[in-house]
Amino acid sequence: MNNPTAALSTVVLLGAAMTFAQALPARAADGKEIFLAQKCNTCHSISAAAIEATTKSEKMKGPDLTGVVAEKGADWALKFLHKEVELEGKKHGKELKLTPEETKILLDWLAAQKKA
């Protein structure tokens, strides 16, 4: 490339492409990865995915989530995670710290975790 403008354009485009690729959230991450990364398994198990709750405290332990989202629906689950509805008289214990895209990935994965 003898043209400095073309070389600069190529560098700028490559830099923009790399920045865009790095800015993408863990789209490749699946719901299970998000579930584990958010430490949802501290309180919840998912027997369909062979995930056990790690808490030893029965008071802290939440329900097994196998089938819950499939049964109640993603809209209800989203409201529950945002503490807008209750389950058995209780609101979700932890503040949800996910992007809308990560939340959708998580809820889609949870909905697929059905009882055998």
PDB file of N, CA and C in Angstrom:
ATOM      1  N   MET A   1       0.833  -1.179   0.000  1.00  0.00           N
ATOM      2  CA  MET A   1       0.000   0.000   0.000  1.00  0.00           C
ATOM      3  C   MET A   1       0.875   1.238   0.000  1.00  0.00           C
ATOM      4  N   ASN A   2       0.846   1.916  -1.103  1.00  0.00           N
ATOM      5  CA  ASN A   2       1.620   3.140  -1.206  1.00  0.00           C
ATOM      6  C   ASN A   2       0.795   4.358  -0.818  1.00  0.00           C
ATOM      7  N   ASN A   3      -0.485   4.172  -0.665  1.00  0.00           N
ATOM      8  CA  ASN A   3      -1.381   5.278  -0.360  1.00  0.00           C
ATOM      9  C   ASN A   3      -1.557   5.386   1.155  1.00  0.00           C
ATOM     10  N   PRO A   4      -1.022   6.439   1.794  1.00  0.00           N
ATOM     11  CA  PRO A   4      -1.132   6.572   3.252  1.00  0.00           C
ATOM     12  C   PRO A   4      -2.577   6.655   3.723  1.00  0.00           C
ATOM     13  N   THR A   5      -3.454   7.239   2.936  1.00  0.00           N
ATOM     14  CA  THR A   5      -4.864   7.349   3.330  1.00  0.00           C
ATOM     15  C   THR A   5      -5.511   5.973   3.368  1.00  0.00           C
ATOM     16  N   ALA A   6      -5.214   5.137   2.377  1.00  0.00           N
ATOM     17  CA  ALA A   6      -5.767   3.788   2.336  1.00  0.00           C
ATOM     18  C   ALA A   6      -5.241   2.967   3.514  1.00  0.00           C
ATOM     19  N   ALA A   7      -3.959   3.113   3.816  1.00  0.00           N
ATOM     20  CA  ALA A   7      -3.376   2.386   4.947  1.00  0.00           C
ATOM     21  C   ALA A   7      -4.023   2.811   6.252  1.00  0.00           C
ATOM     22  N   LEU A   8      -4.217   4.109   6.411  1.00  0.00           N
ATOM     23  CA  LEU A   8      -4.854   4.617   7.623  1.00  0.00           C
ATOM     24  C   LEU A   8      -6.292   4.118   7.724  1.00  0.00           C
ATOM     25  N   SER A   9      -7.004   4.101   6.615  1.00  0.00           N
ATOM     26  CA  SER A   9      -8.380   3.611   6.597  1.00  0.00           C
ATOM     27  C   SER A   9      -8.444   2.146   7.012  1.00  0.00           C
ATOM     28  N   THR A  10      -7.488   1.356   6.509  1.00  0.00           N
ATOM     29  CA  THR A  10      -7.445  -0.053   6.857  1.00  0.00           C
ATOM     30  C   THR A  10      -7.202  -0.237   8.355  1.00  0.00           C
ATOM     31  N   VAL A  11      -6.277   0.521   8.910  1.00  0.00           N
ATOM     32  CA  VAL A  11      -5.975   0.442  10.337  1.00  0.00           C
ATOM     33  C   VAL A  11      -7.207   0.828  11.164  1.00  0.00           C
ATOM     34  N   VAL A  12      -7.890   1.906  10.752  1.00  0.00           N
ATOM     35  CA  VAL A  12      -9.081   2.365  11.475  1.00  0.00           C
ATOM     36  C   VAL A  12     -10.171   1.302  11.414  1.00  0.00           C
ATOM     37  N   LEU A  13     -10.390   0.706  10.236  1.00  0.00           N
ATOM     38  CA  LEU A  13     -11.414  -0.336  10.098  1.00  0.00           C
ATOM     39  C   LEU A  13     -11.081  -1.565  10.943  1.00  0.00           C
ATOM     40  N   LEU A  14      -9.824  -1.984  10.917  1.00  0.00           N
ATOM     41  CA  LEU A  14      -9.422  -3.131  11.730  1.00  0.00           C
ATOM     42  C   LEU A  14      -9.601  -2.831  13.217  1.00  0.00           C
ATOM     43  N   GLY A  15      -9.232  -1.637  13.628  1.00  0.00           N
ATOM     44  CA  GLY A  15      -9.404  -1.244  15.029  1.00  0.00           C
ATOM     45  C   GLY A  15     -10.868  -1.220  15.421  1.00  0.00           C
ATOM     46  N   ALA A  16     -11.717  -0.695  14.547  1.00  0.00           N
ATOM     47  CA  ALA A  16     -13.156  -0.650  14.830  1.00  0.00           C
ATOM     48  C   ALA A  16     -13.730  -2.058  14.916  1.00  0.00           C
ATOM     49  N   ALA A  17     -13.304  -2.942  14.019  1.00  0.00           N
ATOM     50  CA  ALA A  17     -13.800  -4.323  14.036  1.00  0.00           C
ATOM     51  C   ALA A  17     -13.384  -5.029  15.316  1.00  0.00           C
ATOM     52  N   MET A  18     -12.144  -4.815  15.748  1.00  0.00           N
ATOM     53  CA  MET A  18     -11.676  -5.451  16.982  1.00  0.00           C
ATOM     54  C   MET A  18     -12.424  -4.891  18.188  1.00  0.00           C
ATOM     55  N   THR A  19     -12.661  -3.594  18.207  1.00  0.00           N
ATOM     56  CA  THR A  19     -13.389  -2.981  19.313  1.00  0.00           C
ATOM     57  C   THR A  19     -14.806  -3.528  19.361  1.00  0.00           C
ATOM     58  N   PHE A  20     -15.456  -3.644  18.202  1.00  0.00           N
ATOM     59  CA  PHE A  20     -16.815  -4.173  18.141  1.00  0.00           C
ATOM     60  C   PHE A  20     -16.850  -5.606  18.659  1.00  0.00           C
ATOM     61  N   ALA A  21     -15.886  -6.429  18.244  1.00  0.00           N
ATOM     62  CA  ALA A  21     -15.855  -7.825  18.680  1.00  0.00           C
ATOM     63  C   ALA A  21     -15.656  -7.918  20.192  1.00  0.00           C
ATOM     64  N   GLN A  22     -14.820  -7.035  20.753  1.00  0.00           N
ATOM     65  CA  GLN A  22     -14.581  -7.057  22.191  1.00  0.00           C
ATOM     66  C   GLN A  22     -15.780  -6.524  22.958  1.00  0.00           C
ATOM     67  N   ALA A  23     -16.549  -5.618  22.341  1.00  0.00           N
ATOM     68  CA  ALA A  23     -17.689  -5.004  23.009  1.00  0.00           C
ATOM     69  C   ALA A  23     -18.888  -5.937  23.066  1.00  0.00           C
ATOM     70  N   LEU A  24     -18.884  -6.962  22.228  1.00  0.00           N
ATOM     71  CA  LEU A  24     -20.006  -7.882  22.264  1.00  0.00           C
ATOM     72  C   LEU A  24     -20.056  -8.569  23.616  1.00  0.00           C
ATOM     73  N   PRO A  25     -21.220  -8.593  24.244  1.00  0.00           N
ATOM     74  CA  PRO A  25     -21.307  -9.315  25.501  1.00  0.00           C
ATOM     75  C   PRO A  25     -21.072 -10.789  25.237  1.00  0.00           C
ATOM     76  N   ALA A  26     -20.976 -11.539  26.259  1.00  0.00           N
ATOM     77  CA  ALA A  26     -20.702 -12.962  26.116  1.00  0.00           C
ATOM     78  C   ALA A  26     -21.872 -13.625  25.402  1.00  0.00           C
ATOM     79  N   ARG A  27     -22.100 -13.231  24.157  1.00  0.00           N
ATOM     80  CA  ARG A  27     -23.202 -13.784  23.374  1.00  0.00           C
ATOM     81  C   ARG A  27     -23.000 -15.277  23.230  1.00  0.00           C
ATOM     82  N   ALA A  28     -21.744 -15.662  23.167  1.00  0.00           N
ATOM     83  CA  ALA A  28     -21.457 -17.082  23.071  1.00  0.00           C
ATOM     84  C   ALA A  28     -21.793 -17.779  24.385  1.00  0.00           C
ATOM     85  N   ALA A  29     -21.870 -17.002  25.451  1.00  0.00           N
ATOM     86  CA  ALA A  29     -22.218 -17.586  26.749  1.00  0.00           C
ATOM     87  C   ALA A  29     -23.643 -18.102  26.684  1.00  0.00           C
ATOM     88  N   ASP A  30     -23.837 -19.236  27.286  1.00  0.00           N
ATOM     89  CA  ASP A  30     -25.195 -19.755  27.325  1.00  0.00           C
ATOM     90  C   ASP A  30     -25.796 -19.516  28.704  1.00  0.00           C
ATOM     91  N   GLY A  31     -27.036 -19.875  28.835  1.00  0.00           N
ATOM     92  CA  GLY A  31     -27.746 -19.638  30.089  1.00  0.00           C
ATOM     93  C   GLY A  31     -27.109 -20.322  31.280  1.00  0.00           C
ATOM     94  N   LYS A  32     -26.572 -21.499  31.066  1.00  0.00           N
ATOM     95  CA  LYS A  32     -25.928 -22.215  32.172  1.00  0.00           C
ATOM     96  C   LYS A  32     -24.713 -21.439  32.663  1.00  0.00           C
ATOM     97  N   GLU A  33     -23.919 -20.915  31.728  1.00  0.00           N
ATOM     98  CA  GLU A  33     -22.746 -20.126  32.108  1.00  0.00           C
ATOM     99  C   GLU A  33     -23.155 -18.881  32.881  1.00  0.00           C
ATOM    100  N   ILE A  34     -24.224 -18.230  32.433  1.00  0.00           N
ATOM    101  CA  ILE A  34     -24.712 -17.039  33.127  1.00  0.00           C
ATOM    102  C   ILE A  34     -25.216 -17.410  34.517  1.00  0.00           C
ATOM    103  N   PHE A  35     -25.973 -18.488  34.611  1.00  0.00           N
ATOM    104  CA  PHE A  35     -26.498 -18.975  35.884  1.00  0.00           C
ATOM    105  C   PHE A  35     -25.366 -19.202  36.882  1.00  0.00           C
ATOM    106  N   LEU A  36     -24.322 -19.870  36.429  1.00  0.00           N
ATOM    107  CA  LEU A  36     -23.193 -20.169  37.311  1.00  0.00           C
ATOM    108  C   LEU A  36     -22.359 -18.926  37.605  1.00  0.00           C
ATOM    109  N   ALA A  37     -22.150 -18.066  36.603  1.00  0.00           N
ATOM    110  CA  ALA A  37     -21.357 -16.848  36.800  1.00  0.00           C
ATOM    111  C   ALA A  37     -22.038 -15.894  37.781  1.00  0.00           C
ATOM    112  N   GLN A  38     -23.370 -15.871  37.771  1.00  0.00           N
ATOM    113  CA  GLN A  38     -24.119 -15.002  38.687  1.00  0.00           C
ATOM    114  C   GLN A  38     -24.298 -15.656  40.066  1.00  0.00           C
ATOM    115  N   LYS A  39     -23.769 -16.867  40.206  1.00  0.00           N
ATOM    116  CA  LYS A  39     -23.824 -17.624  41.455  1.00  0.00           C
ATOM    117  C   LYS A  39     -25.266 -17.922  41.887  1.00  0.00           C
ATOM    118  N   CYS A  40     -26.131 -18.108  40.887  1.00  0.00           N
ATOM    119  CA  CYS A  40     -27.517 -18.484  41.187  1.00  0.00           C
ATOM    120  C   CYS A  40     -27.554 -19.836  41.904  1.00  0.00           C
ATOM    121  N   ASN A  41     -26.530 -20.657  41.633  1.00  0.00           N
ATOM    122  CA  ASN A  41     -26.474 -21.972  42.258  1.00  0.00           C
ATOM    123  C   ASN A  41     -26.091 -21.906  43.734  1.00  0.00           C
ATOM    124  N   THR A  42     -25.817 -20.728  44.243  1.00  0.00           N
ATOM    125  CA  THR A  42     -25.617 -20.603  45.683  1.00  0.00           C
ATOM    126  C   THR A  42     -26.911 -21.007  46.385  1.00  0.00           C
ATOM    127  N   CYS A  43     -28.037 -20.557  45.843  1.00  0.00           N
ATOM    128  CA  CYS A  43     -29.333 -20.837  46.456  1.00  0.00           C
ATOM    129  C   CYS A  43     -30.152 -21.878  45.702  1.00  0.00           C
ATOM    130  N   HIS A  44     -30.001 -21.941  44.387  1.00  0.00           N
ATOM    131  CA  HIS A  44     -30.875 -22.775  43.558  1.00  0.00           C
ATOM    132  C   HIS A  44     -30.154 -23.959  42.940  1.00  0.00           C
ATOM    133  N   SER A  45     -30.856 -25.052  42.873  1.00  0.00           N
ATOM    134  CA  SER A  45     -30.395 -26.207  42.117  1.00  0.00           C
ATOM    135  C   SER A  45     -31.229 -26.285  40.841  1.00  0.00           C
ATOM    136  N   ILE A  46     -30.712 -27.015  39.891  1.00  0.00           N
ATOM    137  CA  ILE A  46     -31.457 -27.341  38.675  1.00  0.00           C
ATOM    138  C   ILE A  46     -31.156 -28.806  38.407  1.00  0.00           C
ATOM    139  N   SER A  47     -32.019 -29.660  38.907  1.00  0.00           N
ATOM    140  CA  SER A  47     -31.775 -31.097  38.807  1.00  0.00           C
ATOM    141  C   SER A  47     -31.670 -31.561  37.359  1.00  0.00           C
ATOM    142  N   ALA A  48     -32.418 -30.937  36.445  1.00  0.00           N
ATOM    143  CA  ALA A  48     -32.367 -31.328  35.034  1.00  0.00           C
ATOM    144  C   ALA A  48     -30.994 -31.083  34.423  1.00  0.00           C
ATOM    145  N   ALA A  49     -30.231 -30.148  34.978  1.00  0.00           N
ATOM    146  CA  ALA A  49     -28.890 -29.835  34.471  1.00  0.00           C
ATOM    147  C   ALA A  49     -27.798 -30.336  35.418  1.00  0.00           C
ATOM    148  N   ALA A  50     -28.179 -31.144  36.386  1.00  0.00           N
ATOM    149  CA  ALA A  50     -27.234 -31.695  37.371  1.00  0.00           C
ATOM    150  C   ALA A  50     -26.481 -30.600  38.121  1.00  0.00           C
ATOM    151  N   ILE A  51     -27.191 -29.507  38.463  1.00  0.00           N
ATOM    152  CA  ILE A  51     -26.606 -28.414  39.240  1.00  0.00           C
ATOM    153  C   ILE A  51     -27.222 -28.451  40.622  1.00  0.00           C
ATOM    154  N   GLU A  52     -26.376 -28.517  41.624  1.00  0.00           N
ATOM    155  CA  GLU A  52     -26.832 -28.530  43.012  1.00  0.00           C
ATOM    156  C   GLU A  52     -26.568 -27.182  43.663  1.00  0.00           C
ATOM    157  N   ALA A  53     -27.464 -26.775  44.535  1.00  0.00           N
ATOM    158  CA  ALA A  53     -27.259 -25.552  45.311  1.00  0.00           C
ATOM    159  C   ALA A  53     -26.067 -25.768  46.236  1.00  0.00           C
ATOM    160  N   THR A  54     -25.246 -24.736  46.386  1.00  0.00           N
ATOM    161  CA  THR A  54     -24.043 -24.881  47.202  1.00  0.00           C
ATOM    162  C   THR A  54     -24.243 -24.451  48.649  1.00  0.00           C
ATOM    163  N   THR A  55     -25.326 -23.746  48.945  1.00  0.00           N
ATOM    164  CA  THR A  55     -25.535 -23.300  50.313  1.00  0.00           C
ATOM    165  C   THR A  55     -25.834 -24.485  51.224  1.00  0.00           C
ATOM    166  N   LYS A  56     -25.365 -24.403  52.432  1.00  0.00           N
ATOM    167  CA  LYS A  56     -25.644 -25.440  53.427  1.00  0.00           C
ATOM    168  C   LYS A  56     -26.853 -25.051  54.267  1.00  0.00           C
ATOM    169  N   SER A  57     -27.253 -23.785  54.182  1.00  0.00           N
ATOM    170  CA  SER A  57     -28.351 -23.276  54.982  1.00  0.00           C
ATOM    171  C   SER A  57     -29.693 -23.540  54.295  1.00  0.00           C
ATOM    172  N   GLU A  58     -30.549 -24.276  54.953  1.00  0.00           N
ATOM    173  CA  GLU A  58     -31.887 -24.525  54.408  1.00  0.00           C
ATOM    174  C   GLU A  58     -32.683 -23.228  54.319  1.00  0.00           C
ATOM    175  N   LYS A  59     -32.398 -22.280  55.201  1.00  0.00           N
ATOM    176  CA  LYS A  59     -33.085 -20.994  55.185  1.00  0.00           C
ATOM    177  C   LYS A  59     -32.739 -20.209  53.920  1.00  0.00           C
ATOM    178  N   MET A  60     -31.499 -20.316  53.455  1.00  0.00           N
ATOM    179  CA  MET A  60     -31.038 -19.592  52.267  1.00  0.00           C
ATOM    180  C   MET A  60     -31.394 -20.320  50.969  1.00  0.00           C
ATOM    181  N   LYS A  61     -31.658 -21.611  51.048  1.00  0.00           N
ATOM    182  CA  LYS A  61     -31.875 -22.404  49.851  1.00  0.00           C
ATOM    183  C   LYS A  61     -33.204 -22.055  49.194  1.00  0.00           C
ATOM    184  N   GLY A  62     -33.126 -21.769  47.899  1.00  0.00           N
ATOM    185  CA  GLY A  62     -34.325 -21.520  47.112  1.00  0.00           C
ATOM    186  C   GLY A  62     -34.772 -22.813  46.451  1.00  0.00           C
ATOM    187  N   PRO A  63     -35.864 -22.748  45.712  1.00  0.00           N
ATOM    188  CA  PRO A  63     -36.374 -23.970  45.080  1.00  0.00           C
ATOM    189  C   PRO A  63     -35.504 -24.447  43.922  1.00  0.00           C
ATOM    190  N   ASP A  64     -35.626 -25.729  43.621  1.00  0.00           N
ATOM    191  CA  ASP A  64     -35.047 -26.279  42.398  1.00  0.00           C
ATOM    192  C   ASP A  64     -35.789 -25.592  41.251  1.00  0.00           C
ATOM    193  N   LEU A  65     -35.059 -25.061  40.301  1.00  0.00           N
ATOM    194  CA  LEU A  65     -35.681 -24.294  39.234  1.00  0.00           C
ATOM    195  C   LEU A  65     -36.069 -25.132  38.015  1.00  0.00           C
ATOM    196  N   THR A  66     -35.849 -26.430  38.082  1.00  0.00           N
ATOM    197  CA  THR A  66     -36.259 -27.300  36.985  1.00  0.00           C
ATOM    198  C   THR A  66     -37.764 -27.162  36.787  1.00  0.00           C
ATOM    199  N   GLY A  67     -38.156 -26.740  35.602  1.00  0.00           N
ATOM    200  CA  GLY A  67     -39.565 -26.637  35.244  1.00  0.00           C
ATOM    201  C   GLY A  67     -40.273 -25.365  35.665  1.00  0.00           C
ATOM    202  N   VAL A  68     -39.667 -24.546  36.516  1.00  0.00           N
ATOM    203  CA  VAL A  68     -40.349 -23.357  37.037  1.00  0.00           C
ATOM    204  C   VAL A  68     -40.644 -22.349  35.926  1.00  0.00           C
ATOM    205  N   VAL A  69     -39.648 -21.996  35.124  1.00  0.00           N
ATOM    206  CA  VAL A  69     -39.854 -21.008  34.064  1.00  0.00           C
ATOM    207  C   VAL A  69     -40.735 -21.590  32.963  1.00  0.00           C
ATOM    208  N   ALA A  70     -40.582 -22.868  32.666  1.00  0.00           N
ATOM    209  CA  ALA A  70     -41.438 -23.508  31.665  1.00  0.00           C
ATOM    210  C   ALA A  70     -42.901 -23.474  32.113  1.00  0.00           C
ATOM    211  N   GLU A  71     -43.117 -23.665  33.399  1.00  0.00           N
ATOM    212  CA  GLU A  71     -44.478 -23.691  33.944  1.00  0.00           C
ATOM    213  C   GLU A  71     -45.077 -22.290  34.084  1.00  0.00           C
ATOM    214  N   LYS A  72     -44.326 -21.369  34.636  1.00  0.00           N
ATOM    215  CA  LYS A  72     -44.854 -20.035  34.943  1.00  0.00           C
ATOM    216  C   LYS A  72     -44.676 -19.038  33.802  1.00  0.00           C
ATOM    217  N   GLY A  73     -43.741 -19.291  32.908  1.00  0.00           N
ATOM    218  CA  GLY A  73     -43.507 -18.411  31.763  1.00  0.00           C
ATOM    219  C   GLY A  73     -42.387 -17.422  32.010  1.00  0.00           C
ATOM    220  N   ALA A  74     -41.748 -17.022  30.924  1.00  0.00           N
ATOM    221  CA  ALA A  74     -40.609 -16.103  30.993  1.00  0.00           C
ATOM    222  C   ALA A  74     -41.028 -14.723  31.484  1.00  0.00           C
ATOM    223  N   ASP A  75     -42.235 -14.267  31.112  1.00  0.00           N
ATOM    224  CA  ASP A  75     -42.687 -12.944  31.567  1.00  0.00           C
ATOM    225  C   ASP A  75     -42.819 -12.908  33.082  1.00  0.00           C
ATOM    226  N   TRP A  76     -43.407 -13.961  33.652  1.00  0.00           N
ATOM    227  CA  TRP A  76     -43.539 -14.031  35.107  1.00  0.00           C
ATOM    228  C   TRP A  76     -42.153 -14.094  35.754  1.00  0.00           C
ATOM    229  N   ALA A  77     -41.269 -14.926  35.201  1.00  0.00           N
ATOM    230  CA  ALA A  77     -39.929 -15.084  35.772  1.00  0.00           C
ATOM    231  C   ALA A  77     -39.161 -13.766  35.750  1.00  0.00           C
ATOM    232  N   LEU A  78     -39.310 -13.008  34.668  1.00  0.00           N
ATOM    233  CA  LEU A  78     -38.649 -11.704  34.584  1.00  0.00           C
ATOM    234  C   LEU A  78     -39.170 -10.773  35.676  1.00  0.00           C
ATOM    235  N   LYS A  79     -40.473 -10.754  35.870  1.00  0.00           N
ATOM    236  CA  LYS A  79     -41.063  -9.923  36.928  1.00  0.00           C
ATOM    237  C   LYS A  79     -40.581 -10.388  38.305  1.00  0.00           C
ATOM    238  N   PHE A  80     -40.469 -11.692  38.493  1.00  0.00           N
ATOM    239  CA  PHE A  80     -39.995 -12.211  39.775  1.00  0.00           C
ATOM    240  C   PHE A  80     -38.549 -11.788  40.026  1.00  0.00           C
ATOM    241  N   LEU A  81     -37.710 -11.890  39.013  1.00  0.00           N
ATOM    242  CA  LEU A  81     -36.313 -11.492  39.166  1.00  0.00           C
ATOM    243  C   LEU A  81     -36.167 -10.003  39.453  1.00  0.00           C
ATOM    244  N   HIS A  82     -37.133  -9.215  38.989  1.00  0.00           N
ATOM    245  CA  HIS A  82     -37.129  -7.769  39.252  1.00  0.00           C
ATOM    246  C   HIS A  82     -37.956  -7.408  40.487  1.00  0.00           C
ATOM    247  N   LYS A  83     -38.319  -8.422  41.247  1.00  0.00           N
ATOM    248  CA  LYS A  83     -39.043  -8.256  42.521  1.00  0.00           C
ATOM    249  C   LYS A  83     -40.396  -7.571  42.351  1.00  0.00           C
ATOM    250  N   GLU A  84     -41.064  -7.848  41.234  1.00  0.00           N
ATOM    251  CA  GLU A  84     -42.380  -7.275  40.962  1.00  0.00           C
ATOM    252  C   GLU A  84     -43.510  -8.224  41.346  1.00  0.00           C
ATOM    253  N   VAL A  85     -43.202  -9.516  41.491  1.00  0.00           N
ATOM    254  CA  VAL A  85     -44.187 -10.519  41.910  1.00  0.00           C
ATOM    255  C   VAL A  85     -43.535 -11.417  42.959  1.00  0.00           C
ATOM    256  N   GLU A  86     -44.366 -12.188  43.642  1.00  0.00           N
ATOM    257  CA  GLU A  86     -43.875 -13.083  44.695  1.00  0.00           C
ATOM    258  C   GLU A  86     -44.103 -14.543  44.313  1.00  0.00           C
ATOM    259  N   LEU A  87     -43.333 -15.400  44.923  1.00  0.00           N
ATOM    260  CA  LEU A  87     -43.504 -16.843  44.829  1.00  0.00           C
ATOM    261  C   LEU A  87     -43.622 -17.360  46.248  1.00  0.00           C
ATOM    262  N   GLU A  88     -44.743 -17.979  46.545  1.00  0.00           N
ATOM    263  CA  GLU A  88     -45.002 -18.496  47.895  1.00  0.00           C
ATOM    264  C   GLU A  88     -44.796 -17.417  48.951  1.00  0.00           C
ATOM    265  N   GLY A  89     -45.285 -16.206  48.643  1.00  0.00           N
ATOM    266  CA  GLY A  89     -45.226 -15.095  49.589  1.00  0.00           C
ATOM    267  C   GLY A  89     -43.875 -14.421  49.725  1.00  0.00           C
ATOM    268  N   LYS A  90     -42.926 -14.767  48.847  1.00  0.00           N
ATOM    269  CA  LYS A  90     -41.581 -14.183  48.936  1.00  0.00           C
ATOM    270  C   LYS A  90     -41.160 -13.603  47.595  1.00  0.00           C
ATOM    271  N   LYS A  91     -40.420 -12.497  47.670  1.00  0.00           N
ATOM    272  CA  LYS A  91     -39.805 -11.915  46.476  1.00  0.00           C
ATOM    273  C   LYS A  91     -38.418 -12.514  46.305  1.00  0.00           C
ATOM    274  N   HIS A  92     -37.898 -12.406  45.089  1.00  0.00           N
ATOM    275  CA  HIS A  92     -36.558 -12.936  44.819  1.00  0.00           C
ATOM    276  C   HIS A  92     -35.559 -12.274  45.751  1.00  0.00           C
ATOM    277  N   GLY A  93     -34.626 -13.038  46.277  1.00  0.00           N
ATOM    278  CA  GLY A  93     -33.714 -12.550  47.302  1.00  0.00           C
ATOM    279  C   GLY A  93     -32.567 -11.703  46.817  1.00  0.00           C
ATOM    280  N   LYS A  94     -32.159 -11.857  45.574  1.00  0.00           N
ATOM    281  CA  LYS A  94     -30.967 -11.169  45.087  1.00  0.00           C
ATOM    282  C   LYS A  94     -31.335 -10.201  43.972  1.00  0.00           C
ATOM    283  N   GLU A  95     -30.662  -9.048  43.953  1.00  0.00           N
ATOM    284  CA  GLU A  95     -30.883  -8.079  42.881  1.00  0.00           C
ATOM    285  C   GLU A  95     -30.294  -8.627  41.589  1.00  0.00           C
ATOM    286  N   LEU A  96     -31.064  -8.547  40.527  1.00  0.00           N
ATOM    287  CA  LEU A  96     -30.617  -9.017  39.227  1.00  0.00           C
ATOM    288  C   LEU A  96     -29.652  -8.005  38.627  1.00  0.00           C
ATOM    289  N   LYS A  97     -28.461  -8.464  38.260  1.00  0.00           N
ATOM    290  CA  LYS A  97     -27.439  -7.582  37.674  1.00  0.00           C
ATOM    291  C   LYS A  97     -27.022  -8.136  36.318  1.00  0.00           C
ATOM    292  N   LEU A  98     -27.977  -8.172  35.414  1.00  0.00           N
ATOM    293  CA  LEU A  98     -27.732  -8.671  34.067  1.00  0.00           C
ATOM    294  C   LEU A  98     -28.256  -7.674  33.045  1.00  0.00           C
ATOM    295  N   THR A  99     -27.666  -7.710  31.868  1.00  0.00           N
ATOM    296  CA  THR A  99     -28.203  -6.904  30.774  1.00  0.00           C
ATOM    297  C   THR A  99     -29.501  -7.564  30.312  1.00  0.00           C
ATOM    298  N   PRO A 100     -30.342  -6.839  29.589  1.00  0.00           N
ATOM    299  CA  PRO A 100     -31.555  -7.468  29.046  1.00  0.00           C
ATOM    300  C   PRO A 100     -31.239  -8.685  28.174  1.00  0.00           C
ATOM    301  N   GLU A 101     -30.157  -8.619  27.390  1.00  0.00           N
ATOM    302  CA  GLU A 101     -29.785  -9.752  26.543  1.00  0.00           C
ATOM    303  C   GLU A 101     -29.368 -10.958  27.392  1.00  0.00           C
ATOM    304  N   GLU A 102     -28.559 -10.723  28.421  1.00  0.00           N
ATOM    305  CA  GLU A 102     -28.142 -11.821  29.299  1.00  0.00           C
ATOM    306  C   GLU A 102     -29.345 -12.420  30.022  1.00  0.00           C
ATOM    307  N   THR A 103     -30.274 -11.558  30.426  1.00  0.00           N
ATOM    308  CA  THR A 103     -31.475 -12.032  31.105  1.00  0.00           C
ATOM    309  C   THR A 103     -32.281 -12.934  30.183  1.00  0.00           C
ATOM    310  N   LYS A 104     -32.418 -12.535  28.925  1.00  0.00           N
ATOM    311  CA  LYS A 104     -33.163 -13.355  27.964  1.00  0.00           C
ATOM    312  C   LYS A 104     -32.482 -14.698  27.753  1.00  0.00           C
ATOM    313  N   ILE A 105     -31.167 -14.701  27.622  1.00  0.00           N
ATOM    314  CA  ILE A 105     -30.418 -15.949  27.446  1.00  0.00           C
ATOM    315  C   ILE A 105     -30.647 -16.860  28.655  1.00  0.00           C
ATOM    316  N   LEU A 106     -30.549 -16.276  29.853  1.00  0.00           N
ATOM    317  CA  LEU A 106     -30.756 -17.052  31.075  1.00  0.00           C
ATOM    318  C   LEU A 106     -32.169 -17.620  31.136  1.00  0.00           C
ATOM    319  N   LEU A 107     -33.175 -16.789  30.890  1.00  0.00           N
ATOM    320  CA  LEU A 107     -34.562 -17.247  30.969  1.00  0.00           C
ATOM    321  C   LEU A 107     -34.876 -18.290  29.904  1.00  0.00           C
ATOM    322  N   ASP A 108     -34.333 -18.127  28.711  1.00  0.00           N
ATOM    323  CA  ASP A 108     -34.536 -19.137  27.659  1.00  0.00           C
ATOM    324  C   ASP A 108     -33.947 -20.475  28.084  1.00  0.00           C
ATOM    325  N   TRP A 109     -32.765 -20.429  28.683  1.00  0.00           N
ATOM    326  CA  TRP A 109     -32.121 -21.663  29.145  1.00  0.00           C
ATOM    327  C   TRP A 109     -32.928 -22.280  30.282  1.00  0.00           C
ATOM    328  N   LEU A 110     -33.352 -21.444  31.234  1.00  0.00           N
ATOM    329  CA  LEU A 110     -34.146 -21.968  32.347  1.00  0.00           C
ATOM    330  C   LEU A 110     -35.450 -22.589  31.858  1.00  0.00           C
ATOM    331  N   ALA A 111     -36.073 -21.972  30.851  1.00  0.00           N
ATOM    332  CA  ALA A 111     -37.329 -22.512  30.307  1.00  0.00           C
ATOM    333  C   ALA A 111     -37.121 -23.884  29.680  1.00  0.00           C
ATOM    334  N   ALA A 112     -35.909 -24.134  29.179  1.00  0.00           N
ATOM    335  CA  ALA A 112     -35.616 -25.430  28.567  1.00  0.00           C
ATOM    336  C   ALA A 112     -35.324 -26.518  29.604  1.00  0.00           C
ATOM    337  N   GLN A 113     -35.129 -26.124  30.848  1.00  0.00           N
ATOM    338  CA  GLN A 113     -34.819 -27.083  31.923  1.00  0.00           C
ATOM    339  C   GLN A 113     -36.127 -27.623  32.472  1.00  0.00           C
ATOM    340  N   LYS A 114     -36.592 -28.704  31.875  1.00  0.00           N
ATOM    341  CA  LYS A 114     -37.904 -29.265  32.232  1.00  0.00           C
ATOM    342  C   LYS A 114     -37.738 -30.579  32.967  1.00  0.00           C
ATOM    343  N   LYS A 115     -38.742 -30.877  33.745  1.00  0.00           N
ATOM    344  CA  LYS A 115     -38.751 -32.131  34.498  1.00  0.00           C
ATOM    345  C   LYS A 115     -38.875 -33.297  33.531  1.00  0.00           C
ATOM    346  N   ALA A 116     -38.184 -34.385  33.872  1.00  0.00           N
ATOM    347  CA  ALA A 116     -38.201 -35.581  33.019  1.00  0.00           C
ATOM    348  C   ALA A 116     -39.554 -36.263  33.070  1.00  0.00           C
TER     349      ALA A 116
END
